[in-house]
Amino acid sequence: MWQRALTRREEFPGIEIVLWECFRRFPDNLIFRNRLADVQVQQGRYCEAEYLLRSNIESFPRTAASYRKLAELLARQPGRLEEAIPIGNQASRLSGYRPAGISKLLKQIAGQAENPATHSKTLVPSQHSAELMKRCPDDGMVKWVALNGRAMLAEFRLNCPGLGVEDSAVRELQFLANEADLPLARFLLARSLPNYDPSNIVSAGVFPVEFVKALRRSDNKNWESVTISARSADSKWLVRIAKAVRIPKIEDHDVAAWLSGEQKLGSMICSVLQRRLTERISGIDAKGAVVIDLQKRKRIVEKALADVAAMMFDEEIAA
């Protein structure tokens, strides 16, 4: 509702903040993810939009919309038509259409291409978030959405290749973690910065923060404390999957049955994770049976686990 109202007023920064919070709560919703890319393109932030669309494709390789948007984005940048056409052809194949139509469209877009848009490299995050905190109404939900959205945007810009705003993005997250006392910001710092340790902060014991800290470690020493901090059924399930990925000696037949679709769990978080993982890591053996190999696809599994852990702040803070 907020996103639609802001769209009508063309308040793109506000739209983006709301969409980032939607992204956190519903990481598998491609409508939100692709709408975010649209907002970035409308602001001339091509570098960020390309990174987001490529991330969408990596997470959801069988969905045509992100391929099409990426192809059109590349085509509008001088000299990138040849790169755009095969991506557009893949969008057509996934949609069941012949490639000729999309190739013609991309050539038309390329013919109208302007000079490459210069993405914004100036981000003064601490000032922005400080002002945001002052302007936000006392309504706790509004402030929660606004600050979480700022944190998600800052982490995205921290990891966006070639953007060159790493320092300011880190300052943004640190401001949100320390001055705004935002648990999500600590989680995102732990997810993105290997040396970040929020252990001196009281709310560091919140499960998602402990969980992502353990995921980042190369050893498996933190899992006992993570297991203790896992209070909900969803968090306990994430720990079981992570252990099955990180510790090859552990053979969890319930996890294997769940990933292969033989066992269903009712929660939205588990449904999101199951859909994400089965699409990315399942294969078919010589006998036609579904095969799941967690260890071989460790990076993909751990990224999905970290995305899903970010969904859990609402229930963990309330608990």
C-alpha atoms as a PDB file:
ATOM      1  CA  MET A   1       0.000   0.000   0.000  1.00  0.00           C
ATOM      2  CA  TRP A   2       2.804   2.445   0.939  1.00  0.00           C
ATOM      3  CA  GLN A   3       4.734   1.492  -2.168  1.00  0.00           C
ATOM      4  CA  ARG A   4       1.737   2.244  -4.428  1.00  0.00           C
ATOM      5  CA  ALA A   5       1.099   5.615  -2.781  1.00  0.00           C
ATOM      6  CA  LEU A   6       4.751   6.636  -3.108  1.00  0.00           C
ATOM      7  CA  THR A   7       4.808   5.445  -6.729  1.00  0.00           C
ATOM      8  CA  ARG A   8       1.902   7.723  -7.618  1.00  0.00           C
ATOM      9  CA  ARG A   9       3.871  10.648  -6.159  1.00  0.00           C
ATOM     10  CA  GLU A  10       7.104   9.478  -7.869  1.00  0.00           C
ATOM     11  CA  GLU A  11       8.955   9.521  -4.549  1.00  0.00           C
ATOM     12  CA  PHE A  12      11.540   6.995  -5.696  1.00  0.00           C
ATOM     13  CA  PRO A  13      13.807   7.018  -2.589  1.00  0.00           C
ATOM     14  CA  GLY A  14      10.790   6.305  -0.376  1.00  0.00           C
ATOM     15  CA  ILE A  15       9.537   3.627  -2.750  1.00  0.00           C
ATOM     16  CA  GLU A  16      12.907   1.937  -2.667  1.00  0.00           C
ATOM     17  CA  ILE A  17      13.108   1.885   1.141  1.00  0.00           C
ATOM     18  CA  VAL A  18       9.677   0.231   1.377  1.00  0.00           C
ATOM     19  CA  LEU A  19      10.593  -2.260  -1.351  1.00  0.00           C
ATOM     20  CA  TRP A  20      13.814  -3.234   0.446  1.00  0.00           C
ATOM     21  CA  GLU A  21      11.806  -4.086   3.556  1.00  0.00           C
ATOM     22  CA  CYS A  22       9.435  -6.102   1.336  1.00  0.00           C
ATOM     23  CA  PHE A  23      12.524  -7.815  -0.103  1.00  0.00           C
ATOM     24  CA  ARG A  24      13.646  -8.763   3.412  1.00  0.00           C
ATOM     25  CA  ARG A  25      10.271 -10.162   4.424  1.00  0.00           C
ATOM     26  CA  PHE A  26       9.578 -11.928   1.123  1.00  0.00           C
ATOM     27  CA  PRO A  27      12.965 -12.726  -0.474  1.00  0.00           C
ATOM     28  CA  ASP A  28      11.418 -15.076  -3.034  1.00  0.00           C
ATOM     29  CA  ASN A  29       8.908 -12.553  -4.349  1.00  0.00           C
ATOM     30  CA  LEU A  30      10.268 -11.604  -7.773  1.00  0.00           C
ATOM     31  CA  ILE A  31       7.695  -8.835  -8.169  1.00  0.00           C
ATOM     32  CA  PHE A  32       9.381  -6.881  -5.364  1.00  0.00           C
ATOM     33  CA  ARG A  33      12.893  -7.739  -6.582  1.00  0.00           C
ATOM     34  CA  ASN A  34      12.218  -6.682 -10.185  1.00  0.00           C
ATOM     35  CA  ARG A  35      10.306  -3.590  -9.080  1.00  0.00           C
ATOM     36  CA  LEU A  36      13.392  -2.565  -7.105  1.00  0.00           C
ATOM     37  CA  ALA A  37      15.452  -2.833 -10.289  1.00  0.00           C
ATOM     38  CA  ASP A  38      12.868  -0.688 -12.121  1.00  0.00           C
ATOM     39  CA  VAL A  39      13.165   2.031  -9.452  1.00  0.00           C
ATOM     40  CA  GLN A  40      16.952   1.982  -9.725  1.00  0.00           C
ATOM     41  CA  VAL A  41      16.791   2.279 -13.520  1.00  0.00           C
ATOM     42  CA  GLN A  42      14.374   5.211 -13.214  1.00  0.00           C
ATOM     43  CA  GLN A  43      16.986   6.973 -11.081  1.00  0.00           C
ATOM     44  CA  GLY A  44      19.769   6.213 -13.585  1.00  0.00           C
ATOM     45  CA  ARG A  45      21.475   3.730 -11.254  1.00  0.00           C
ATOM     46  CA  TYR A  46      22.270   1.179 -13.955  1.00  0.00           C
ATOM     47  CA  CYS A  47      25.171  -0.450 -12.116  1.00  0.00           C
ATOM     48  CA  GLU A  48      22.968  -1.308  -9.130  1.00  0.00           C
ATOM     49  CA  ALA A  49      20.041  -2.429 -11.266  1.00  0.00           C
ATOM     50  CA  GLU A  50      22.282  -4.770 -13.263  1.00  0.00           C
ATOM     51  CA  TYR A  51      23.741  -6.296 -10.097  1.00  0.00           C
ATOM     52  CA  LEU A  52      20.255  -6.828  -8.636  1.00  0.00           C
ATOM     53  CA  LEU A  53      18.888  -8.411 -11.815  1.00  0.00           C
ATOM     54  CA  ARG A  54      21.893 -10.728 -12.121  1.00  0.00           C
ATOM     55  CA  SER A  55      21.361 -11.720  -8.478  1.00  0.00           C
ATOM     56  CA  ASN A  56      17.704 -12.436  -9.261  1.00  0.00           C
ATOM     57  CA  ILE A  57      18.750 -14.663 -12.150  1.00  0.00           C
ATOM     58  CA  GLU A  58      21.285 -16.477  -9.989  1.00  0.00           C
ATOM     59  CA  SER A  59      18.640 -17.189  -7.349  1.00  0.00           C
ATOM     60  CA  PHE A  60      15.797 -17.916  -9.793  1.00  0.00           C
ATOM     61  CA  PRO A  61      17.323 -19.145 -13.076  1.00  0.00           C
ATOM     62  CA  ARG A  62      14.036 -20.375 -14.529  1.00  0.00           C
ATOM     63  CA  THR A  63      12.113 -17.091 -14.396  1.00  0.00           C
ATOM     64  CA  ALA A  64      11.887 -15.054 -17.606  1.00  0.00           C
ATOM     65  CA  ALA A  65      11.107 -11.570 -16.219  1.00  0.00           C
ATOM     66  CA  SER A  66      14.556 -10.862 -14.770  1.00  0.00           C
ATOM     67  CA  TYR A  67      16.283 -12.006 -17.975  1.00  0.00           C
ATOM     68  CA  ARG A  68      14.114  -9.690 -20.036  1.00  0.00           C
ATOM     69  CA  LYS A  69      14.656  -6.689 -17.773  1.00  0.00           C
ATOM     70  CA  LEU A  70      18.414  -7.297 -17.742  1.00  0.00           C
ATOM     71  CA  ALA A  71      18.525  -7.602 -21.541  1.00  0.00           C
ATOM     72  CA  GLU A  72      16.643  -4.321 -21.954  1.00  0.00           C
ATOM     73  CA  LEU A  73      18.895  -2.588 -19.409  1.00  0.00           C
ATOM     74  CA  LEU A  74      22.035  -3.723 -21.236  1.00  0.00           C
ATOM     75  CA  ALA A  75      20.614  -2.776 -24.642  1.00  0.00           C
ATOM     76  CA  ARG A  76      20.032   0.817 -23.571  1.00  0.00           C
ATOM     77  CA  GLN A  77      23.750   1.190 -22.757  1.00  0.00           C
ATOM     78  CA  PRO A  78      25.983   1.905 -25.769  1.00  0.00           C
ATOM     79  CA  GLY A  79      28.151  -1.006 -26.833  1.00  0.00           C
ATOM     80  CA  ARG A  80      26.305  -3.697 -24.857  1.00  0.00           C
ATOM     81  CA  LEU A  81      23.776  -4.943 -27.436  1.00  0.00           C
ATOM     82  CA  GLU A  82      25.719  -8.141 -28.201  1.00  0.00           C
ATOM     83  CA  GLU A  83      25.724  -8.944 -24.501  1.00  0.00           C
ATOM     84  CA  ALA A  84      21.987  -8.250 -24.251  1.00  0.00           C
ATOM     85  CA  ILE A  85      20.756 -10.433 -27.127  1.00  0.00           C
ATOM     86  CA  PRO A  86      21.569 -13.909 -25.708  1.00  0.00           C
ATOM     87  CA  ILE A  87      20.050 -12.874 -22.369  1.00  0.00           C
ATOM     88  CA  GLY A  88      16.929 -11.719 -24.190  1.00  0.00           C
ATOM     89  CA  ASN A  89      16.837 -14.992 -26.123  1.00  0.00           C
ATOM     90  CA  GLN A  90      16.903 -16.901 -22.833  1.00  0.00           C
ATOM     91  CA  ALA A  91      13.931 -14.836 -21.630  1.00  0.00           C
ATOM     92  CA  SER A  92      12.059 -15.815 -24.792  1.00  0.00           C
ATOM     93  CA  ARG A  93      12.874 -19.511 -24.360  1.00  0.00           C
ATOM     94  CA  LEU A  94      11.671 -19.481 -20.764  1.00  0.00           C
ATOM     95  CA  SER A  95       8.461 -17.713 -21.844  1.00  0.00           C
ATOM     96  CA  GLY A  96       7.885 -20.102 -24.734  1.00  0.00           C
ATOM     97  CA  TYR A  97       8.270 -17.432 -27.432  1.00  0.00           C
ATOM     98  CA  ARG A  98      10.538 -17.280 -30.475  1.00  0.00           C
ATOM     99  CA  PRO A  99      13.699 -15.182 -29.984  1.00  0.00           C
ATOM    100  CA  ALA A 100      13.233 -13.035 -33.091  1.00  0.00           C
ATOM    101  CA  GLY A 101      10.779 -10.680 -31.389  1.00  0.00           C
ATOM    102  CA  ILE A 102      12.972  -9.856 -28.408  1.00  0.00           C
ATOM    103  CA  SER A 103      16.058  -9.414 -30.617  1.00  0.00           C
ATOM    104  CA  LYS A 104      14.192  -6.861 -32.722  1.00  0.00           C
ATOM    105  CA  LEU A 105      13.040  -5.001 -29.600  1.00  0.00           C
ATOM    106  CA  LEU A 106      16.559  -4.928 -28.132  1.00  0.00           C
ATOM    107  CA  LYS A 107      17.972  -3.509 -31.363  1.00  0.00           C
ATOM    108  CA  GLN A 108      15.337  -0.763 -31.281  1.00  0.00           C
ATOM    109  CA  ILE A 109      16.257   0.059 -27.674  1.00  0.00           C
ATOM    110  CA  ALA A 110      19.954   0.098 -28.570  1.00  0.00           C
ATOM    111  CA  GLY A 111      19.258   2.493 -31.429  1.00  0.00           C
ATOM    112  CA  GLN A 112      17.790   4.981 -28.966  1.00  0.00           C
ATOM    113  CA  ALA A 113      20.515   4.476 -26.344  1.00  0.00           C
ATOM    114  CA  GLU A 114      21.831   7.564 -24.670  1.00  0.00           C
ATOM    115  CA  ASN A 115      25.161   7.982 -22.955  1.00  0.00           C
ATOM    116  CA  PRO A 116      25.591   5.576 -20.051  1.00  0.00           C
ATOM    117  CA  ALA A 117      23.869   6.835 -16.934  1.00  0.00           C
ATOM    118  CA  THR A 118      26.271   7.687 -14.145  1.00  0.00           C
ATOM    119  CA  HIS A 119      25.238   5.805 -11.068  1.00  0.00           C
ATOM    120  CA  SER A 120      25.216   7.745  -7.846  1.00  0.00           C
ATOM    121  CA  LYS A 121      28.432   7.329  -5.900  1.00  0.00           C
ATOM    122  CA  THR A 122      27.579   9.820  -3.203  1.00  0.00           C
ATOM    123  CA  LEU A 123      25.896   8.295  -0.215  1.00  0.00           C
ATOM    124  CA  VAL A 124      26.036  10.114   3.094  1.00  0.00           C
ATOM    125  CA  PRO A 125      24.330   7.361   5.020  1.00  0.00           C
ATOM    126  CA  SER A 126      24.687   8.507   8.601  1.00  0.00           C
ATOM    127  CA  GLN A 127      23.126  11.883   7.813  1.00  0.00           C
ATOM    128  CA  HIS A 128      20.384  10.256   5.777  1.00  0.00           C
ATOM    129  CA  SER A 129      19.424   7.803   8.514  1.00  0.00           C
ATOM    130  CA  ALA A 130      19.664  10.448  11.235  1.00  0.00           C
ATOM    131  CA  GLU A 131      17.271  12.670   9.293  1.00  0.00           C
ATOM    132  CA  LEU A 132      15.041   9.682   8.604  1.00  0.00           C
ATOM    133  CA  MET A 133      14.812   8.946  12.334  1.00  0.00           C
ATOM    134  CA  LYS A 134      13.839  12.559  13.056  1.00  0.00           C
ATOM    135  CA  ARG A 135      11.192  12.682  10.321  1.00  0.00           C
ATOM    136  CA  CYS A 136       9.617   9.300  11.084  1.00  0.00           C
ATOM    137  CA  PRO A 137       6.361   9.487  13.038  1.00  0.00           C
ATOM    138  CA  ASP A 138       6.238   7.893  16.468  1.00  0.00           C
ATOM    139  CA  ASP A 139       4.449   4.917  14.924  1.00  0.00           C
ATOM    140  CA  GLY A 140       6.813   2.038  15.691  1.00  0.00           C
ATOM    141  CA  MET A 141       5.900   0.062  12.574  1.00  0.00           C
ATOM    142  CA  VAL A 142       6.640   2.981  10.218  1.00  0.00           C
ATOM    143  CA  LYS A 143      10.057   3.540  11.792  1.00  0.00           C
ATOM    144  CA  TRP A 144      10.787  -0.220  11.775  1.00  0.00           C
ATOM    145  CA  VAL A 145      10.044  -0.442   8.042  1.00  0.00           C
ATOM    146  CA  ALA A 146      12.021   2.710   7.217  1.00  0.00           C
ATOM    147  CA  LEU A 147      15.158   1.772   9.165  1.00  0.00           C
ATOM    148  CA  ASN A 148      15.134  -1.855   8.040  1.00  0.00           C
ATOM    149  CA  GLY A 149      14.775  -0.695   4.440  1.00  0.00           C
ATOM    150  CA  ARG A 150      17.742   1.672   4.824  1.00  0.00           C
ATOM    151  CA  ALA A 151      19.819  -1.159   6.268  1.00  0.00           C
ATOM    152  CA  MET A 152      18.960  -3.523   3.416  1.00  0.00           C
ATOM    153  CA  LEU A 153      19.840  -0.841   0.845  1.00  0.00           C
ATOM    154  CA  ALA A 154      23.163  -0.108   2.547  1.00  0.00           C
ATOM    155  CA  GLU A 155      24.162  -3.781   2.555  1.00  0.00           C
ATOM    156  CA  PHE A 156      23.207  -4.104  -1.102  1.00  0.00           C
ATOM    157  CA  ARG A 157      25.362  -1.108  -2.039  1.00  0.00           C
ATOM    158  CA  LEU A 158      28.215  -2.438   0.096  1.00  0.00           C
ATOM    159  CA  ASN A 159      28.273  -5.624  -1.999  1.00  0.00           C
ATOM    160  CA  CYS A 160      27.512  -4.114  -5.430  1.00  0.00           C
ATOM    161  CA  PRO A 161      30.619  -4.560  -7.643  1.00  0.00           C
ATOM    162  CA  GLY A 162      32.095  -1.407  -9.139  1.00  0.00           C
ATOM    163  CA  LEU A 163      29.906   1.016  -7.214  1.00  0.00           C
ATOM    164  CA  GLY A 164      32.711   2.269  -4.998  1.00  0.00           C
ATOM    165  CA  VAL A 165      30.646   3.247  -1.947  1.00  0.00           C
ATOM    166  CA  GLU A 166      31.813   0.521   0.429  1.00  0.00           C
ATOM    167  CA  ASP A 167      33.035   2.892   3.160  1.00  0.00           C
ATOM    168  CA  SER A 168      29.891   4.999   3.254  1.00  0.00           C
ATOM    169  CA  ALA A 169      27.666   1.903   3.163  1.00  0.00           C
ATOM    170  CA  VAL A 170      29.531   0.436   6.141  1.00  0.00           C
ATOM    171  CA  ARG A 171      29.144   3.738   8.020  1.00  0.00           C
ATOM    172  CA  GLU A 172      25.418   3.610   7.297  1.00  0.00           C
ATOM    173  CA  LEU A 173      25.100   0.130   8.754  1.00  0.00           C
ATOM    174  CA  GLN A 174      27.252   1.019  11.752  1.00  0.00           C
ATOM    175  CA  PHE A 175      25.098   4.070  12.439  1.00  0.00           C
ATOM    176  CA  LEU A 176      21.956   1.960  12.263  1.00  0.00           C
ATOM    177  CA  ALA A 177      23.487  -0.764  14.433  1.00  0.00           C
ATOM    178  CA  ASN A 178      24.849   1.540  17.138  1.00  0.00           C
ATOM    179  CA  GLU A 179      22.824   4.764  17.144  1.00  0.00           C
ATOM    180  CA  ALA A 180      19.486   3.333  16.031  1.00  0.00           C
ATOM    181  CA  ASP A 181      20.073   0.059  17.921  1.00  0.00           C
ATOM    182  CA  LEU A 182      18.786  -1.874  14.904  1.00  0.00           C
ATOM    183  CA  PRO A 183      19.305  -5.660  15.191  1.00  0.00           C
ATOM    184  CA  LEU A 184      18.949  -6.117  11.430  1.00  0.00           C
ATOM    185  CA  ALA A 185      21.907  -3.790  10.825  1.00  0.00           C
ATOM    186  CA  ARG A 186      24.092  -5.949  13.087  1.00  0.00           C
ATOM    187  CA  PHE A 187      22.932  -9.030  11.225  1.00  0.00           C
ATOM    188  CA  LEU A 188      23.798  -7.454   7.853  1.00  0.00           C
ATOM    189  CA  LEU A 189      27.214  -6.324   9.075  1.00  0.00           C
ATOM    190  CA  ALA A 190      27.917  -9.860  10.300  1.00  0.00           C
ATOM    191  CA  ARG A 191      26.695 -11.256   6.971  1.00  0.00           C
ATOM    192  CA  SER A 192      28.853  -8.943   4.853  1.00  0.00           C
ATOM    193  CA  LEU A 193      31.980  -8.276   6.927  1.00  0.00           C
ATOM    194  CA  PRO A 194      34.005 -11.328   8.007  1.00  0.00           C
ATOM    195  CA  ASN A 195      35.681  -9.501  10.913  1.00  0.00           C
ATOM    196  CA  TYR A 196      32.565  -7.878  12.360  1.00  0.00           C
ATOM    197  CA  ASP A 197      31.772  -9.125  15.861  1.00  0.00           C
ATOM    198  CA  PRO A 198      28.670  -7.784  17.632  1.00  0.00           C
ATOM    199  CA  SER A 199      29.314  -9.902  20.740  1.00  0.00           C
ATOM    200  CA  ASN A 200      29.606  -6.828  22.981  1.00  0.00           C
ATOM    201  CA  ILE A 201      26.023  -5.822  22.196  1.00  0.00           C
ATOM    202  CA  VAL A 202      23.191  -7.159  24.338  1.00  0.00           C
ATOM    203  CA  SER A 203      20.859  -8.043  21.458  1.00  0.00           C
ATOM    204  CA  ALA A 204      23.621  -9.907  19.636  1.00  0.00           C
ATOM    205  CA  GLY A 205      22.069 -13.089  21.056  1.00  0.00           C
ATOM    206  CA  VAL A 206      19.104 -12.718  18.706  1.00  0.00           C
ATOM    207  CA  PHE A 207      19.101 -15.915  16.641  1.00  0.00           C
ATOM    208  CA  PRO A 208      19.602 -14.478  13.105  1.00  0.00           C
ATOM    209  CA  VAL A 209      22.757 -12.612  14.200  1.00  0.00           C
ATOM    210  CA  GLU A 210      24.226 -15.664  15.910  1.00  0.00           C
ATOM    211  CA  PHE A 211      23.255 -17.842  12.948  1.00  0.00           C
ATOM    212  CA  VAL A 212      24.910 -15.692  10.279  1.00  0.00           C
ATOM    213  CA  LYS A 213      28.054 -15.305  12.421  1.00  0.00           C
ATOM    214  CA  ALA A 214      28.327 -19.105  12.488  1.00  0.00           C
ATOM    215  CA  LEU A 215      27.742 -19.339   8.737  1.00  0.00           C
ATOM    216  CA  ARG A 216      30.641 -16.968   8.095  1.00  0.00           C
ATOM    217  CA  ARG A 217      33.125 -18.953  10.151  1.00  0.00           C
ATOM    218  CA  SER A 218      35.367 -21.423   8.339  1.00  0.00           C
ATOM    219  CA  ASP A 219      35.250 -23.794  11.320  1.00  0.00           C
ATOM    220  CA  ASN A 220      32.196 -25.237  13.063  1.00  0.00           C
ATOM    221  CA  LYS A 221      32.819 -24.004  16.615  1.00  0.00           C
ATOM    222  CA  ASN A 222      29.811 -21.689  16.951  1.00  0.00           C
ATOM    223  CA  TRP A 223      26.987 -24.112  16.334  1.00  0.00           C
ATOM    224  CA  GLU A 224      26.444 -24.988  19.998  1.00  0.00           C
ATOM    225  CA  SER A 225      25.672 -21.360  20.906  1.00  0.00           C
ATOM    226  CA  VAL A 226      23.537 -21.003  17.769  1.00  0.00           C
ATOM    227  CA  THR A 227      21.525 -24.088  18.735  1.00  0.00           C
ATOM    228  CA  ILE A 228      20.914 -22.572  22.188  1.00  0.00           C
ATOM    229  CA  SER A 229      19.678 -19.275  20.690  1.00  0.00           C
ATOM    230  CA  ALA A 230      17.292 -21.095  18.299  1.00  0.00           C
ATOM    231  CA  ARG A 231      13.909 -20.831  20.010  1.00  0.00           C
ATOM    232  CA  SER A 232      11.338 -21.137  17.245  1.00  0.00           C
ATOM    233  CA  ALA A 233      10.657 -24.238  15.135  1.00  0.00           C
ATOM    234  CA  ASP A 234      11.878 -22.351  12.046  1.00  0.00           C
ATOM    235  CA  SER A 235      15.194 -21.363  13.610  1.00  0.00           C
ATOM    236  CA  LYS A 236      15.821 -24.903  14.841  1.00  0.00           C
ATOM    237  CA  TRP A 237      15.147 -26.181  11.341  1.00  0.00           C
ATOM    238  CA  LEU A 238      17.632 -23.719   9.812  1.00  0.00           C
ATOM    239  CA  VAL A 239      20.296 -24.944  12.233  1.00  0.00           C
ATOM    240  CA  ARG A 240      19.679 -28.547  11.168  1.00  0.00           C
ATOM    241  CA  ILE A 241      20.049 -27.675   7.493  1.00  0.00           C
ATOM    242  CA  ALA A 242      23.182 -25.613   8.132  1.00  0.00           C
ATOM    243  CA  LYS A 243      24.761 -28.456  10.089  1.00  0.00           C
ATOM    244  CA  ALA A 244      23.958 -30.887   7.276  1.00  0.00           C
ATOM    245  CA  VAL A 245      25.770 -28.539   4.871  1.00  0.00           C
ATOM    246  CA  ARG A 246      28.757 -27.629   7.061  1.00  0.00           C
ATOM    247  CA  ILE A 247      29.477 -30.946   8.795  1.00  0.00           C
ATOM    248  CA  PRO A 248      29.689 -33.789   6.244  1.00  0.00           C
ATOM    249  CA  LYS A 249      29.622 -36.444   8.964  1.00  0.00           C
ATOM    250  CA  ILE A 250      26.093 -35.428   9.905  1.00  0.00           C
ATOM    251  CA  GLU A 251      23.487 -37.274   7.870  1.00  0.00           C
ATOM    252  CA  ASP A 252      20.047 -35.835   8.515  1.00  0.00           C
ATOM    253  CA  HIS A 253      17.452 -37.967   6.751  1.00  0.00           C
ATOM    254  CA  ASP A 254      14.603 -35.555   7.642  1.00  0.00           C
ATOM    255  CA  VAL A 255      16.447 -32.702   5.895  1.00  0.00           C
ATOM    256  CA  ALA A 256      17.040 -34.854   2.810  1.00  0.00           C
ATOM    257  CA  ALA A 257      13.368 -35.908   2.717  1.00  0.00           C
ATOM    258  CA  TRP A 258      12.253 -32.284   3.083  1.00  0.00           C
ATOM    259  CA  LEU A 259      14.515 -31.004   0.311  1.00  0.00           C
ATOM    260  CA  SER A 260      13.420 -33.761  -2.060  1.00  0.00           C
ATOM    261  CA  GLY A 261       9.774 -32.793  -1.525  1.00  0.00           C
ATOM    262  CA  GLU A 262       8.793 -35.926   0.375  1.00  0.00           C
ATOM    263  CA  GLN A 263       8.156 -33.979   3.570  1.00  0.00           C
ATOM    264  CA  LYS A 264       6.302 -30.671   3.846  1.00  0.00           C
ATOM    265  CA  LEU A 265       6.515 -28.061   6.595  1.00  0.00           C
ATOM    266  CA  GLY A 266       3.806 -25.493   7.112  1.00  0.00           C
ATOM    267  CA  SER A 267       5.636 -22.236   7.790  1.00  0.00           C
ATOM    268  CA  MET A 268       6.248 -19.581   5.133  1.00  0.00           C
ATOM    269  CA  ILE A 269       9.953 -19.441   6.000  1.00  0.00           C
ATOM    270  CA  CYS A 270      10.380 -23.175   5.414  1.00  0.00           C
ATOM    271  CA  SER A 271       8.366 -22.990   2.187  1.00  0.00           C
ATOM    272  CA  VAL A 272      10.564 -20.175   0.860  1.00  0.00           C
ATOM    273  CA  LEU A 273      13.722 -22.074   1.716  1.00  0.00           C
ATOM    274  CA  GLN A 274      12.479 -25.346   0.247  1.00  0.00           C
ATOM    275  CA  ARG A 275      11.477 -23.677  -3.024  1.00  0.00           C
ATOM    276  CA  ARG A 276      14.782 -21.794  -3.280  1.00  0.00           C
ATOM    277  CA  LEU A 277      16.940 -24.827  -2.604  1.00  0.00           C
ATOM    278  CA  THR A 278      15.116 -27.425  -4.654  1.00  0.00           C
ATOM    279  CA  GLU A 279      15.227 -25.128  -7.692  1.00  0.00           C
ATOM    280  CA  ARG A 280      18.958 -24.474  -7.345  1.00  0.00           C
ATOM    281  CA  ILE A 281      20.571 -27.642  -5.976  1.00  0.00           C
ATOM    282  CA  SER A 282      18.440 -30.578  -7.089  1.00  0.00           C
ATOM    283  CA  GLY A 283      19.434 -32.864  -9.931  1.00  0.00           C
ATOM    284  CA  ILE A 284      18.287 -36.089 -11.549  1.00  0.00           C
ATOM    285  CA  ASP A 285      20.319 -39.296 -11.372  1.00  0.00           C
ATOM    286  CA  ALA A 286      20.579 -42.029 -14.016  1.00  0.00           C
ATOM    287  CA  LYS A 287      17.422 -43.692 -12.693  1.00  0.00           C
ATOM    288  CA  GLY A 288      15.384 -40.488 -12.875  1.00  0.00           C
ATOM    289  CA  ALA A 289      15.320 -39.904  -9.125  1.00  0.00           C
ATOM    290  CA  VAL A 290      15.770 -36.457  -7.547  1.00  0.00           C
ATOM    291  CA  VAL A 291      19.238 -36.041  -6.023  1.00  0.00           C
ATOM    292  CA  ILE A 292      20.167 -33.364  -3.482  1.00  0.00           C
ATOM    293  CA  ASP A 293      23.846 -32.744  -2.765  1.00  0.00           C
ATOM    294  CA  LEU A 294      24.171 -30.099  -0.072  1.00  0.00           C
ATOM    295  CA  GLN A 295      27.945 -30.154   0.218  1.00  0.00           C
ATOM    296  CA  LYS A 296      28.580 -29.594  -3.512  1.00  0.00           C
ATOM    297  CA  ARG A 297      26.298 -26.540  -3.537  1.00  0.00           C
ATOM    298  CA  LYS A 298      27.392 -25.157  -0.180  1.00  0.00           C
ATOM    299  CA  ARG A 299      27.647 -21.501  -1.284  1.00  0.00           C
ATOM    300  CA  ILE A 300      24.146 -21.495  -2.787  1.00  0.00           C
ATOM    301  CA  VAL A 301      22.663 -23.183   0.270  1.00  0.00           C
ATOM    302  CA  GLU A 302      24.336 -20.795   2.710  1.00  0.00           C
ATOM    303  CA  LYS A 303      23.196 -17.715   0.758  1.00  0.00           C
ATOM    304  CA  ALA A 304      19.612 -19.012   0.850  1.00  0.00           C
ATOM    305  CA  LEU A 305      19.905 -19.703   4.582  1.00  0.00           C
ATOM    306  CA  ALA A 306      21.201 -16.160   5.225  1.00  0.00           C
ATOM    307  CA  ASP A 307      18.367 -14.631   3.157  1.00  0.00           C
ATOM    308  CA  VAL A 308      15.778 -16.610   5.083  1.00  0.00           C
ATOM    309  CA  ALA A 309      17.371 -15.754   8.439  1.00  0.00           C
ATOM    310  CA  ALA A 310      16.796 -12.062   7.621  1.00  0.00           C
ATOM    311  CA  MET A 311      13.056 -12.792   7.449  1.00  0.00           C
ATOM    312  CA  MET A 312      13.029 -13.904  11.072  1.00  0.00           C
ATOM    313  CA  PHE A 313      13.681 -10.627  12.912  1.00  0.00           C
ATOM    314  CA  ASP A 314      10.024  -9.823  13.493  1.00  0.00           C
ATOM    315  CA  GLU A 315       9.270 -13.084  15.273  1.00  0.00           C
ATOM    316  CA  GLU A 316      12.628 -13.238  17.088  1.00  0.00           C
ATOM    317  CA  ILE A 317      12.376  -9.696  18.475  1.00  0.00           C
ATOM    318  CA  ALA A 318       8.775 -10.296  19.539  1.00  0.00           C
ATOM    319  CA  ALA A 319       9.625 -13.586  21.261  1.00  0.00           C
END
